[in-house]
Protein backbone atom coordinates (compact mmCIF):
# COMPACT_ATOMS: atom_id res chain seq x y z
CA MET A 1 -47.57 131.19 45.55
CA GLU A 2 -44.66 131.16 43.23
CA GLU A 3 -45.14 126.90 43.76
CA ASP A 4 -48.77 127.04 42.20
CA LYS A 5 -47.73 129.29 39.49
CA ARG A 6 -45.00 126.60 38.64
CA ILE A 7 -47.67 124.11 38.99
CA GLN A 8 -49.98 125.80 36.16
CA MET A 9 -46.88 126.45 33.97
CA GLN A 10 -46.62 122.88 33.45
CA LEU A 11 -49.84 121.73 33.61
CA ASP A 12 -50.29 123.96 30.94
CA LYS A 13 -46.66 122.81 28.85
CA HIS A 14 -48.13 119.06 29.72
CA SER A 15 -52.23 119.12 28.13
CA SER A 16 -50.33 120.93 25.24
CA GLN A 17 -47.82 118.44 24.70
CA ILE A 18 -50.83 115.78 24.89
CA ALA A 19 -52.89 117.52 22.45
CA LYS A 20 -49.71 117.21 19.91
CA LEU A 21 -49.60 113.57 20.51
CA PHE A 22 -53.16 112.91 19.91
CA SER A 23 -52.80 114.73 17.31
CA LYS A 24 -49.85 112.67 15.75
CA ILE A 25 -52.11 109.71 16.83
CA ASP A 26 -55.07 110.64 14.82
CA ASP A 27 -52.50 111.30 11.75
CA THR A 28 -50.98 107.80 12.34
CA ASN A 29 -54.49 106.07 12.18
CA ASP A 30 -55.64 108.00 9.07
CA LYS A 31 -51.95 106.62 7.15
CA ILE A 32 -52.80 103.08 8.87
CA GLN A 33 -56.07 103.29 7.16
CA LYS A 34 -55.22 104.72 3.71
CA ILE A 35 -52.66 101.78 3.39
CA PHE A 36 -55.29 99.27 4.62
CA ASN A 37 -57.33 100.24 2.02
CA MET A 38 -54.55 99.94 -0.50
CA LEU A 39 -53.74 96.43 0.50
CA ASN A 40 -57.63 95.58 -0.12
CA GLN A 41 -57.27 97.18 -3.64
CA ILE A 42 -54.32 95.13 -4.13
CA ARG A 43 -56.44 92.23 -2.57
CA TYR A 44 -58.84 92.31 -5.06
CA PHE A 45 -56.98 93.29 -8.18
CA ILE A 46 -55.17 89.93 -7.90
CA TYR A 47 -58.74 88.36 -7.01
CA GLY A 48 -59.57 90.13 -10.37
CA GLY A 49 -56.25 88.18 -12.31
CA PHE A 50 -57.42 85.07 -10.92
CA ALA A 51 -60.61 84.93 -12.14
CA TYR A 52 -59.76 86.59 -15.27
CA PHE A 53 -56.57 83.64 -15.78
CA ILE A 54 -59.55 80.74 -14.67
CA ALA A 55 -61.50 82.16 -17.16
CA SER A 56 -59.76 82.77 -19.95
CA GLU A 57 -57.68 78.89 -19.73
CA VAL A 58 -60.79 76.90 -18.97
CA GLY A 59 -63.51 78.39 -21.01
CA MET A 60 -66.18 80.88 -19.64
CA PHE A 61 -68.91 77.84 -20.81
CA ASN A 62 -66.43 75.55 -18.88
CA LEU A 63 -66.33 77.67 -15.55
CA LEU A 64 -70.15 78.35 -15.77
CA LYS A 65 -70.43 74.24 -15.62
CA LEU A 66 -67.84 74.53 -12.72
CA VAL A 67 -69.76 76.71 -10.34
CA THR A 68 -73.22 75.76 -10.96
């Protein structure tokens, strides 16, 4: 009987620890997603800057001639 109570207490403790770990995993996944979104924003900002640079250096009409 005492052994059953001890095992049940350990099981409860392990269950709460597992729940905490899954919560931390969810938080980590959210932070990783935010970092990924920021990197995408930086990438498209650089693309836009490059496109602006090309358009200003080559000229808008020359750029359109290159594309078509």
